[in-house]
Amino acid sequence: MWDFFETVRHRHSIRQYQPDMPVEPEKISAVIEMACAAPSAGGLQAYQIYAIQKPELRQKITNACTDIACLGNAPVVLCFCSHPKRASERFGERGRNLYALQDATIAAAYAQLAAVSVGLGSNWVGDFDEGAVRVALEVPEDCRPIALISMGYPAEIPAQTARRPIREILHSL
C-alpha cells in the first residue's frame, strides 16, 4: 500500500476500464468502508450509497449522464446521495442545505482515494439527470443523487492535469 501522499498523487480521472476485469467484492467493500469512515456533520452520515454492478442499471445510469461516455465501461458505479432530512433533524436548514451535501461529497472523495489504494481507478461524474438516476435506482424522495463515481481497473493512465499554483489559492492571514 502507498502512503497517503502517494495515494493522492496517483488519483487520476479514469474514463476507460479493463473490459474483462470485474472488481472483486472485497475491494468494493473496502472502498465503501472507507467512504463510511469519512467525517460527517455530527457523525450523522447524512448520505446513502448505491453500488451499481448490474449491466442494465449501469446502462441506465450512463444514459442519464450528459456525456454518455463519462462512465466509460466501468464495472462498478457508486452513486452518492445526500439525505437532507437526516441532517435537518439535528441542524435545521443549514443541515438540509449544506451539511448533507458535504457529507455525501466527502464520502465520495474518500471512496476515490480508497479505490486508488486497492489498485482501482475512478472518475467523479456530477453532470447527470438527477431525476433519471433517481428513477433508475429507486432513490427515495428524501434523498438526492449528488455524485456518480465510476470504478474499475484502469485501461488508461492519463497525464497529470495542471494545477493552479498554491500562491494563487492560499491566503495566509
N, C-alpha and C. Protein backbone atom coordinates (compact mmCIF):
# COMPACT_ATOMS: atom_id res chain seq x y z
N MET A 1 0.83 -1.19 0.00
CA MET A 1 0.00 0.00 0.00
C MET A 1 0.87 1.25 0.00
N TRP A 2 0.33 2.29 -0.62
CA TRP A 2 1.03 3.56 -0.65
C TRP A 2 0.70 4.37 0.58
N ASP A 3 1.57 5.32 0.88
CA ASP A 3 1.21 6.25 1.94
C ASP A 3 0.19 7.25 1.38
N PHE A 4 -0.34 8.07 2.22
CA PHE A 4 -1.42 8.98 1.82
C PHE A 4 -1.02 9.89 0.66
N PHE A 5 0.17 10.48 0.73
CA PHE A 5 0.58 11.41 -0.31
C PHE A 5 0.72 10.73 -1.66
N GLU A 6 1.24 9.53 -1.68
CA GLU A 6 1.34 8.78 -2.93
C GLU A 6 -0.04 8.41 -3.45
N THR A 7 -0.94 8.06 -2.56
CA THR A 7 -2.31 7.74 -2.96
C THR A 7 -2.94 8.93 -3.66
N VAL A 8 -2.83 10.11 -3.07
CA VAL A 8 -3.41 11.30 -3.67
C VAL A 8 -2.75 11.60 -5.01
N ARG A 9 -1.44 11.49 -5.07
CA ARG A 9 -0.73 11.77 -6.33
C ARG A 9 -1.10 10.80 -7.44
N HIS A 10 -1.51 9.59 -7.10
CA HIS A 10 -1.86 8.58 -8.11
C HIS A 10 -3.35 8.57 -8.47
N ARG A 11 -4.12 9.46 -7.88
CA ARG A 11 -5.54 9.54 -8.23
C ARG A 11 -5.69 10.34 -9.50
N HIS A 12 -6.23 9.70 -10.51
CA HIS A 12 -6.49 10.33 -11.80
C HIS A 12 -7.95 10.08 -12.16
N SER A 13 -8.50 10.90 -13.03
CA SER A 13 -9.84 10.65 -13.54
C SER A 13 -9.74 9.61 -14.65
N ILE A 14 -10.19 8.40 -14.35
CA ILE A 14 -10.11 7.29 -15.29
C ILE A 14 -11.45 7.16 -16.00
N ARG A 15 -11.39 7.15 -17.33
CA ARG A 15 -12.63 7.08 -18.11
C ARG A 15 -12.75 5.80 -18.92
N GLN A 16 -11.73 4.97 -18.90
CA GLN A 16 -11.78 3.68 -19.58
C GLN A 16 -11.21 2.62 -18.65
N TYR A 17 -11.90 1.49 -18.61
CA TYR A 17 -11.55 0.42 -17.67
C TYR A 17 -11.29 -0.87 -18.42
N GLN A 18 -10.51 -1.77 -17.79
CA GLN A 18 -10.24 -3.08 -18.37
C GLN A 18 -11.58 -3.80 -18.54
N PRO A 19 -11.93 -4.17 -19.77
CA PRO A 19 -13.27 -4.71 -20.02
C PRO A 19 -13.57 -6.07 -19.39
N ASP A 20 -12.57 -6.89 -19.22
CA ASP A 20 -12.81 -8.25 -18.71
C ASP A 20 -12.27 -8.45 -17.30
N MET A 21 -12.23 -7.37 -16.54
CA MET A 21 -11.72 -7.46 -15.17
C MET A 21 -12.75 -6.92 -14.19
N PRO A 22 -13.61 -7.80 -13.69
CA PRO A 22 -14.57 -7.33 -12.69
C PRO A 22 -13.85 -6.96 -11.39
N VAL A 23 -14.47 -6.10 -10.62
CA VAL A 23 -13.90 -5.69 -9.34
C VAL A 23 -14.35 -6.70 -8.28
N GLU A 24 -13.39 -7.19 -7.53
CA GLU A 24 -13.66 -8.18 -6.50
C GLU A 24 -14.55 -7.58 -5.42
N PRO A 25 -15.50 -8.38 -4.90
CA PRO A 25 -16.41 -7.88 -3.85
C PRO A 25 -15.67 -7.32 -2.64
N GLU A 26 -14.55 -7.93 -2.26
CA GLU A 26 -13.83 -7.43 -1.09
C GLU A 26 -13.24 -6.03 -1.33
N LYS A 27 -12.90 -5.72 -2.58
CA LYS A 27 -12.40 -4.37 -2.88
C LYS A 27 -13.53 -3.36 -2.85
N ILE A 28 -14.69 -3.75 -3.37
CA ILE A 28 -15.86 -2.86 -3.30
C ILE A 28 -16.20 -2.59 -1.84
N SER A 29 -16.19 -3.64 -1.03
CA SER A 29 -16.48 -3.48 0.40
C SER A 29 -15.47 -2.57 1.08
N ALA A 30 -14.19 -2.72 0.75
CA ALA A 30 -13.15 -1.89 1.35
C ALA A 30 -13.35 -0.42 0.98
N VAL A 31 -13.70 -0.16 -0.27
CA VAL A 31 -13.94 1.22 -0.72
C VAL A 31 -15.13 1.81 0.02
N ILE A 32 -16.21 1.04 0.13
CA ILE A 32 -17.41 1.52 0.84
C ILE A 32 -17.10 1.75 2.32
N GLU A 33 -16.33 0.85 2.91
CA GLU A 33 -15.97 1.00 4.33
C GLU A 33 -15.22 2.31 4.56
N MET A 34 -14.29 2.64 3.66
CA MET A 34 -13.53 3.88 3.81
C MET A 34 -14.40 5.10 3.53
N ALA A 35 -15.34 4.99 2.60
CA ALA A 35 -16.27 6.10 2.36
C ALA A 35 -17.07 6.38 3.63
N CYS A 36 -17.48 5.32 4.29
CA CYS A 36 -18.27 5.48 5.52
C CYS A 36 -17.42 5.94 6.70
N ALA A 37 -16.10 5.89 6.57
CA ALA A 37 -15.20 6.39 7.61
C ALA A 37 -14.96 7.90 7.48
N ALA A 38 -15.47 8.50 6.41
CA ALA A 38 -15.28 9.93 6.18
C ALA A 38 -15.94 10.75 7.27
N PRO A 39 -15.38 11.92 7.58
CA PRO A 39 -16.02 12.79 8.55
C PRO A 39 -17.41 13.20 8.06
N SER A 40 -18.31 13.42 9.00
CA SER A 40 -19.64 13.90 8.63
C SER A 40 -20.17 14.79 9.76
N ALA A 41 -21.03 15.70 9.40
CA ALA A 41 -21.58 16.65 10.37
C ALA A 41 -22.28 15.90 11.49
N GLY A 42 -21.83 16.11 12.69
CA GLY A 42 -22.44 15.48 13.85
C GLY A 42 -22.36 13.96 13.85
N GLY A 43 -21.50 13.40 12.97
CA GLY A 43 -21.40 11.95 12.85
C GLY A 43 -22.66 11.31 12.29
N LEU A 44 -23.51 12.10 11.64
CA LEU A 44 -24.81 11.59 11.17
C LEU A 44 -24.73 10.77 9.88
N GLN A 45 -23.68 10.95 9.11
CA GLN A 45 -23.56 10.29 7.81
C GLN A 45 -24.86 10.48 7.02
N ALA A 46 -25.17 11.72 6.73
CA ALA A 46 -26.42 12.07 6.04
C ALA A 46 -26.30 11.80 4.54
N TYR A 47 -26.10 10.53 4.21
CA TYR A 47 -25.99 10.12 2.81
C TYR A 47 -26.35 8.64 2.69
N GLN A 48 -26.58 8.24 1.46
CA GLN A 48 -26.79 6.84 1.09
C GLN A 48 -25.86 6.56 -0.06
N ILE A 49 -25.41 5.31 -0.17
CA ILE A 49 -24.52 4.91 -1.27
C ILE A 49 -25.17 3.73 -1.99
N TYR A 50 -25.24 3.83 -3.31
CA TYR A 50 -25.73 2.75 -4.15
C TYR A 50 -24.55 2.21 -4.95
N ALA A 51 -24.30 0.90 -4.89
CA ALA A 51 -23.25 0.26 -5.66
C ALA A 51 -23.92 -0.46 -6.83
N ILE A 52 -23.71 0.06 -8.03
CA ILE A 52 -24.39 -0.46 -9.21
C ILE A 52 -23.42 -1.33 -10.00
N GLN A 53 -23.76 -2.62 -10.12
CA GLN A 53 -22.95 -3.56 -10.87
C GLN A 53 -23.72 -4.22 -12.00
N LYS A 54 -25.04 -4.25 -11.90
CA LYS A 54 -25.86 -4.89 -12.93
C LYS A 54 -25.74 -4.08 -14.22
N PRO A 55 -25.37 -4.76 -15.33
CA PRO A 55 -25.16 -4.04 -16.59
C PRO A 55 -26.34 -3.18 -17.03
N GLU A 56 -27.57 -3.67 -16.85
CA GLU A 56 -28.73 -2.89 -17.31
C GLU A 56 -28.91 -1.61 -16.48
N LEU A 57 -28.59 -1.67 -15.19
CA LEU A 57 -28.67 -0.46 -14.36
C LEU A 57 -27.53 0.49 -14.68
N ARG A 58 -26.33 -0.06 -14.90
CA ARG A 58 -25.20 0.81 -15.28
C ARG A 58 -25.51 1.54 -16.58
N GLN A 59 -26.18 0.85 -17.51
CA GLN A 59 -26.54 1.49 -18.78
C GLN A 59 -27.54 2.62 -18.57
N LYS A 60 -28.52 2.40 -17.69
CA LYS A 60 -29.49 3.47 -17.39
C LYS A 60 -28.79 4.67 -16.77
N ILE A 61 -27.83 4.40 -15.90
CA ILE A 61 -27.09 5.50 -15.27
C ILE A 61 -26.24 6.22 -16.31
N THR A 62 -25.60 5.46 -17.18
CA THR A 62 -24.80 6.07 -18.25
C THR A 62 -25.68 6.95 -19.14
N ASN A 63 -26.86 6.47 -19.47
CA ASN A 63 -27.79 7.24 -20.31
C ASN A 63 -28.25 8.53 -19.62
N ALA A 64 -28.20 8.56 -18.31
CA ALA A 64 -28.59 9.76 -17.56
C ALA A 64 -27.50 10.82 -17.55
N CYS A 65 -26.31 10.46 -18.00
CA CYS A 65 -25.18 11.40 -18.00
C CYS A 65 -25.23 12.28 -19.24
N THR A 66 -24.83 13.53 -19.08
CA THR A 66 -24.79 14.44 -20.22
C THR A 66 -23.79 13.94 -21.25
N ASP A 67 -22.64 13.52 -20.81
CA ASP A 67 -21.62 12.92 -21.69
C ASP A 67 -21.74 11.41 -21.49
N ILE A 68 -22.35 10.71 -22.46
CA ILE A 68 -22.65 9.30 -22.24
C ILE A 68 -21.40 8.42 -22.10
N ALA A 69 -20.25 8.97 -22.48
CA ALA A 69 -19.01 8.20 -22.31
C ALA A 69 -18.39 8.44 -20.94
N CYS A 70 -19.02 9.26 -20.11
CA CYS A 70 -18.41 9.70 -18.86
C CYS A 70 -18.12 8.56 -17.90
N LEU A 71 -18.90 7.50 -17.93
CA LEU A 71 -18.65 6.39 -17.02
C LEU A 71 -17.82 5.29 -17.67
N GLY A 72 -17.45 5.51 -18.94
CA GLY A 72 -16.64 4.52 -19.64
C GLY A 72 -17.33 3.17 -19.61
N ASN A 73 -16.55 2.16 -19.48
CA ASN A 73 -17.08 0.80 -19.39
C ASN A 73 -16.87 0.26 -17.98
N ALA A 74 -17.07 1.13 -17.01
CA ALA A 74 -16.82 0.79 -15.60
C ALA A 74 -17.67 -0.40 -15.15
N PRO A 75 -17.05 -1.36 -14.48
CA PRO A 75 -17.83 -2.49 -13.96
C PRO A 75 -18.63 -2.14 -12.70
N VAL A 76 -18.27 -1.02 -12.06
CA VAL A 76 -18.98 -0.59 -10.85
C VAL A 76 -19.20 0.92 -10.94
N VAL A 77 -20.40 1.34 -10.58
CA VAL A 77 -20.68 2.77 -10.44
C VAL A 77 -21.26 2.95 -9.04
N LEU A 78 -20.68 3.87 -8.30
CA LEU A 78 -21.21 4.22 -6.98
C LEU A 78 -21.99 5.51 -7.12
N CYS A 79 -23.19 5.52 -6.58
CA CYS A 79 -24.00 6.74 -6.57
C CYS A 79 -24.10 7.21 -5.12
N PHE A 80 -23.65 8.42 -4.87
CA PHE A 80 -23.70 9.02 -3.54
C PHE A 80 -24.88 9.99 -3.51
N CYS A 81 -25.77 9.75 -2.57
CA CYS A 81 -26.97 10.57 -2.42
C CYS A 81 -26.93 11.27 -1.07
N SER A 82 -27.25 12.54 -1.08
CA SER A 82 -27.37 13.24 0.21
C SER A 82 -28.71 12.88 0.83
N HIS A 83 -28.78 13.01 2.14
CA HIS A 83 -30.01 12.71 2.88
C HIS A 83 -30.33 13.95 3.72
N PRO A 84 -30.87 15.00 3.06
CA PRO A 84 -31.10 16.27 3.73
C PRO A 84 -31.97 16.18 4.99
N LYS A 85 -32.99 15.34 4.96
CA LYS A 85 -33.88 15.23 6.11
C LYS A 85 -33.12 14.76 7.35
N ARG A 86 -32.22 13.79 7.16
CA ARG A 86 -31.43 13.26 8.29
C ARG A 86 -30.62 14.39 8.93
N ALA A 87 -29.98 15.22 8.09
CA ALA A 87 -29.16 16.31 8.62
C ALA A 87 -30.01 17.43 9.23
N SER A 88 -31.19 17.67 8.65
CA SER A 88 -32.02 18.78 9.14
C SER A 88 -32.63 18.48 10.51
N GLU A 89 -32.81 17.21 10.84
CA GLU A 89 -33.39 16.87 12.14
C GLU A 89 -32.52 17.37 13.29
N ARG A 90 -31.23 17.47 13.04
CA ARG A 90 -30.32 17.95 14.09
C ARG A 90 -29.84 19.37 13.86
N PHE A 91 -29.66 19.72 12.57
CA PHE A 91 -29.03 21.00 12.25
C PHE A 91 -29.92 21.98 11.50
N GLY A 92 -31.20 21.68 11.37
CA GLY A 92 -32.12 22.60 10.71
C GLY A 92 -31.80 22.83 9.24
N GLU A 93 -32.07 24.06 8.78
CA GLU A 93 -31.90 24.37 7.35
C GLU A 93 -30.45 24.27 6.89
N ARG A 94 -29.51 24.66 7.73
CA ARG A 94 -28.10 24.55 7.33
C ARG A 94 -27.74 23.08 7.12
N GLY A 95 -28.24 22.20 7.97
CA GLY A 95 -28.02 20.77 7.77
C GLY A 95 -28.64 20.29 6.48
N ARG A 96 -29.88 20.72 6.21
CA ARG A 96 -30.59 20.31 4.99
C ARG A 96 -29.87 20.79 3.74
N ASN A 97 -29.49 22.08 3.74
CA ASN A 97 -28.96 22.70 2.52
C ASN A 97 -27.46 22.55 2.33
N LEU A 98 -26.72 22.29 3.40
CA LEU A 98 -25.26 22.24 3.28
C LEU A 98 -24.65 20.96 3.83
N TYR A 99 -24.92 20.63 5.08
CA TYR A 99 -24.22 19.51 5.72
C TYR A 99 -24.46 18.18 5.01
N ALA A 100 -25.68 17.92 4.58
CA ALA A 100 -25.97 16.66 3.89
C ALA A 100 -25.19 16.57 2.59
N LEU A 101 -25.10 17.69 1.88
CA LEU A 101 -24.33 17.75 0.64
C LEU A 101 -22.84 17.51 0.92
N GLN A 102 -22.34 18.17 1.95
CA GLN A 102 -20.94 17.98 2.32
C GLN A 102 -20.66 16.53 2.72
N ASP A 103 -21.54 15.95 3.51
CA ASP A 103 -21.35 14.56 3.94
C ASP A 103 -21.23 13.63 2.74
N ALA A 104 -22.12 13.78 1.77
CA ALA A 104 -22.12 12.90 0.59
C ALA A 104 -20.85 13.10 -0.24
N THR A 105 -20.43 14.35 -0.40
CA THR A 105 -19.26 14.60 -1.25
C THR A 105 -17.95 14.19 -0.56
N ILE A 106 -17.88 14.36 0.74
CA ILE A 106 -16.68 13.91 1.45
C ILE A 106 -16.58 12.39 1.37
N ALA A 107 -17.69 11.70 1.55
CA ALA A 107 -17.69 10.24 1.44
C ALA A 107 -17.26 9.80 0.04
N ALA A 108 -17.73 10.51 -0.99
CA ALA A 108 -17.36 10.18 -2.36
C ALA A 108 -15.86 10.39 -2.60
N ALA A 109 -15.32 11.46 -2.05
CA ALA A 109 -13.88 11.72 -2.19
C ALA A 109 -13.06 10.63 -1.49
N TYR A 110 -13.49 10.23 -0.30
CA TYR A 110 -12.81 9.14 0.40
C TYR A 110 -12.87 7.86 -0.42
N ALA A 111 -14.01 7.60 -1.07
CA ALA A 111 -14.14 6.41 -1.91
C ALA A 111 -13.13 6.44 -3.05
N GLN A 112 -12.94 7.61 -3.66
CA GLN A 112 -11.96 7.70 -4.75
C GLN A 112 -10.55 7.40 -4.26
N LEU A 113 -10.19 7.91 -3.11
CA LEU A 113 -8.85 7.65 -2.57
C LEU A 113 -8.71 6.18 -2.17
N ALA A 114 -9.75 5.61 -1.61
CA ALA A 114 -9.71 4.18 -1.25
C ALA A 114 -9.57 3.32 -2.51
N ALA A 115 -10.22 3.72 -3.58
CA ALA A 115 -10.11 2.96 -4.83
C ALA A 115 -8.66 2.91 -5.30
N VAL A 116 -7.98 4.03 -5.25
CA VAL A 116 -6.56 4.07 -5.64
C VAL A 116 -5.75 3.12 -4.76
N SER A 117 -6.02 3.14 -3.47
CA SER A 117 -5.22 2.34 -2.53
C SER A 117 -5.39 0.84 -2.73
N VAL A 118 -6.48 0.42 -3.38
CA VAL A 118 -6.65 -1.02 -3.66
C VAL A 118 -6.41 -1.35 -5.13
N GLY A 119 -5.79 -0.41 -5.85
CA GLY A 119 -5.38 -0.68 -7.23
C GLY A 119 -6.44 -0.41 -8.29
N LEU A 120 -7.48 0.34 -7.94
CA LEU A 120 -8.54 0.66 -8.89
C LEU A 120 -8.43 2.10 -9.35
N GLY A 121 -9.12 2.41 -10.41
CA GLY A 121 -9.25 3.77 -10.88
C GLY A 121 -10.69 4.22 -10.72
N SER A 122 -10.90 5.52 -10.78
CA SER A 122 -12.26 6.04 -10.65
C SER A 122 -12.39 7.36 -11.39
N ASN A 123 -13.63 7.78 -11.54
CA ASN A 123 -13.92 9.07 -12.15
C ASN A 123 -15.16 9.65 -11.48
N TRP A 124 -15.09 10.90 -11.09
CA TRP A 124 -16.22 11.60 -10.47
C TRP A 124 -17.07 12.20 -11.58
N VAL A 125 -18.36 11.92 -11.55
CA VAL A 125 -19.29 12.48 -12.53
C VAL A 125 -20.39 13.23 -11.79
N GLY A 126 -20.55 14.49 -12.11
CA GLY A 126 -21.58 15.29 -11.48
C GLY A 126 -22.62 15.80 -12.47
N ASP A 127 -22.33 15.66 -13.77
CA ASP A 127 -23.22 16.19 -14.81
C ASP A 127 -24.14 15.08 -15.29
N PHE A 128 -25.27 14.93 -14.58
CA PHE A 128 -26.22 13.88 -14.94
C PHE A 128 -27.64 14.35 -14.64
N ASP A 129 -28.59 13.64 -15.22
CA ASP A 129 -30.01 13.92 -14.99
C ASP A 129 -30.39 13.28 -13.66
N GLU A 130 -30.52 14.11 -12.65
CA GLU A 130 -30.80 13.64 -11.30
C GLU A 130 -32.09 12.81 -11.24
N GLY A 131 -33.11 13.25 -11.96
CA GLY A 131 -34.38 12.54 -11.97
C GLY A 131 -34.26 11.15 -12.57
N ALA A 132 -33.51 11.04 -13.67
CA ALA A 132 -33.33 9.73 -14.32
C ALA A 132 -32.57 8.78 -13.41
N VAL A 133 -31.56 9.27 -12.70
CA VAL A 133 -30.81 8.44 -11.77
C VAL A 133 -31.72 8.02 -10.62
N ARG A 134 -32.49 8.95 -10.11
CA ARG A 134 -33.43 8.66 -9.02
C ARG A 134 -34.38 7.53 -9.41
N VAL A 135 -34.94 7.61 -10.61
CA VAL A 135 -35.89 6.59 -11.08
C VAL A 135 -35.18 5.26 -11.28
N ALA A 136 -34.03 5.27 -11.94
CA ALA A 136 -33.32 4.02 -12.24
C ALA A 136 -32.95 3.26 -10.97
N LEU A 137 -32.53 3.99 -9.94
CA LEU A 137 -32.06 3.34 -8.70
C LEU A 137 -33.15 3.28 -7.62
N GLU A 138 -34.32 3.82 -7.93
CA GLU A 138 -35.41 3.88 -6.97
C GLU A 138 -34.98 4.58 -5.67
N VAL A 139 -34.30 5.72 -5.86
CA VAL A 139 -33.85 6.53 -4.73
C VAL A 139 -35.07 7.18 -4.08
N PRO A 140 -35.21 7.05 -2.77
CA PRO A 140 -36.37 7.66 -2.10
C PRO A 140 -36.39 9.18 -2.25
N GLU A 141 -37.56 9.75 -2.16
CA GLU A 141 -37.74 11.19 -2.33
C GLU A 141 -36.95 12.02 -1.32
N ASP A 142 -36.67 11.47 -0.15
CA ASP A 142 -35.94 12.26 0.86
C ASP A 142 -34.43 12.19 0.68
N CYS A 143 -33.97 11.60 -0.42
CA CYS A 143 -32.54 11.57 -0.75
C CYS A 143 -32.35 12.19 -2.12
N ARG A 144 -31.13 12.69 -2.37
CA ARG A 144 -30.84 13.37 -3.62
C ARG A 144 -29.53 12.86 -4.21
N PRO A 145 -29.55 12.29 -5.44
CA PRO A 145 -28.30 11.89 -6.09
C PRO A 145 -27.39 13.10 -6.29
N ILE A 146 -26.15 12.96 -5.80
CA ILE A 146 -25.19 14.08 -5.82
C ILE A 146 -24.00 13.79 -6.74
N ALA A 147 -23.46 12.59 -6.65
CA ALA A 147 -22.24 12.26 -7.41
C ALA A 147 -22.27 10.81 -7.84
N LEU A 148 -21.76 10.56 -9.04
CA LEU A 148 -21.55 9.21 -9.53
C LEU A 148 -20.04 8.99 -9.59
N ILE A 149 -19.59 7.85 -9.09
CA ILE A 149 -18.17 7.51 -9.15
C ILE A 149 -18.05 6.20 -9.92
N SER A 150 -17.47 6.27 -11.11
CA SER A 150 -17.19 5.03 -11.85
C SER A 150 -15.93 4.42 -11.25
N MET A 151 -15.85 3.09 -11.31
CA MET A 151 -14.73 2.42 -10.64
C MET A 151 -14.42 1.10 -11.33
N GLY A 152 -13.14 0.83 -11.49
CA GLY A 152 -12.69 -0.42 -12.10
C GLY A 152 -11.18 -0.41 -12.27
N TYR A 153 -10.68 -1.43 -12.95
CA TYR A 153 -9.25 -1.49 -13.24
C TYR A 153 -8.96 -0.61 -14.45
N PRO A 154 -8.06 0.36 -14.31
CA PRO A 154 -7.81 1.31 -15.39
C PRO A 154 -7.28 0.65 -16.66
N ALA A 155 -7.79 1.14 -17.79
CA ALA A 155 -7.26 0.76 -19.10
C ALA A 155 -6.42 1.91 -19.64
N GLU A 156 -6.30 2.95 -18.87
CA GLU A 156 -5.55 4.15 -19.24
C GLU A 156 -5.03 4.81 -17.97
N ILE A 157 -3.93 5.50 -18.10
CA ILE A 157 -3.45 6.36 -17.02
C ILE A 157 -3.17 7.71 -17.68
N PRO A 158 -4.12 8.64 -17.53
CA PRO A 158 -3.94 9.93 -18.17
C PRO A 158 -2.82 10.73 -17.52
N ALA A 159 -2.31 11.68 -18.28
CA ALA A 159 -1.28 12.57 -17.76
C ALA A 159 -1.87 13.41 -16.63
N GLN A 160 -1.03 13.78 -15.70
CA GLN A 160 -1.45 14.64 -14.59
C GLN A 160 -1.92 15.97 -15.15
N THR A 161 -3.05 16.44 -14.69
CA THR A 161 -3.54 17.74 -15.14
C THR A 161 -2.84 18.85 -14.36
N ALA A 162 -2.68 19.97 -15.02
CA ALA A 162 -2.03 21.12 -14.37
C ALA A 162 -2.89 21.61 -13.21
N ARG A 163 -2.24 22.08 -12.20
CA ARG A 163 -2.90 22.64 -11.01
C ARG A 163 -2.47 24.09 -10.85
N ARG A 164 -3.38 24.89 -10.30
CA ARG A 164 -3.03 26.28 -10.01
C ARG A 164 -1.93 26.31 -8.97
N PRO A 165 -1.05 27.27 -9.07
CA PRO A 165 -0.02 27.41 -8.03
C PRO A 165 -0.68 27.69 -6.67
N ILE A 166 -0.11 27.12 -5.64
CA ILE A 166 -0.65 27.30 -4.29
C ILE A 166 -0.75 28.77 -3.93
N ARG A 167 0.21 29.58 -4.38
CA ARG A 167 0.18 31.00 -4.04
C ARG A 167 -1.07 31.70 -4.57
N GLU A 168 -1.72 31.13 -5.61
CA GLU A 168 -2.96 31.71 -6.13
C GLU A 168 -4.19 31.27 -5.31
N ILE A 169 -4.02 30.25 -4.53
CA ILE A 169 -5.14 29.65 -3.80
C ILE A 169 -5.10 29.98 -2.32
N LEU A 170 -3.92 29.92 -1.74
CA LEU A 170 -3.75 30.05 -0.30
C LEU A 170 -3.69 31.51 0.13
N HIS A 171 -4.44 31.83 1.15
CA HIS A 171 -4.41 33.17 1.76
C HIS A 171 -4.00 32.98 3.22
N SER A 172 -2.75 33.20 3.49
CA SER A 172 -2.26 33.09 4.87
C SER A 172 -2.50 34.39 5.59
N LEU A 173 -3.21 34.32 6.69
CA LEU A 173 -3.57 35.53 7.42
C LEU A 173 -2.90 35.54 8.78
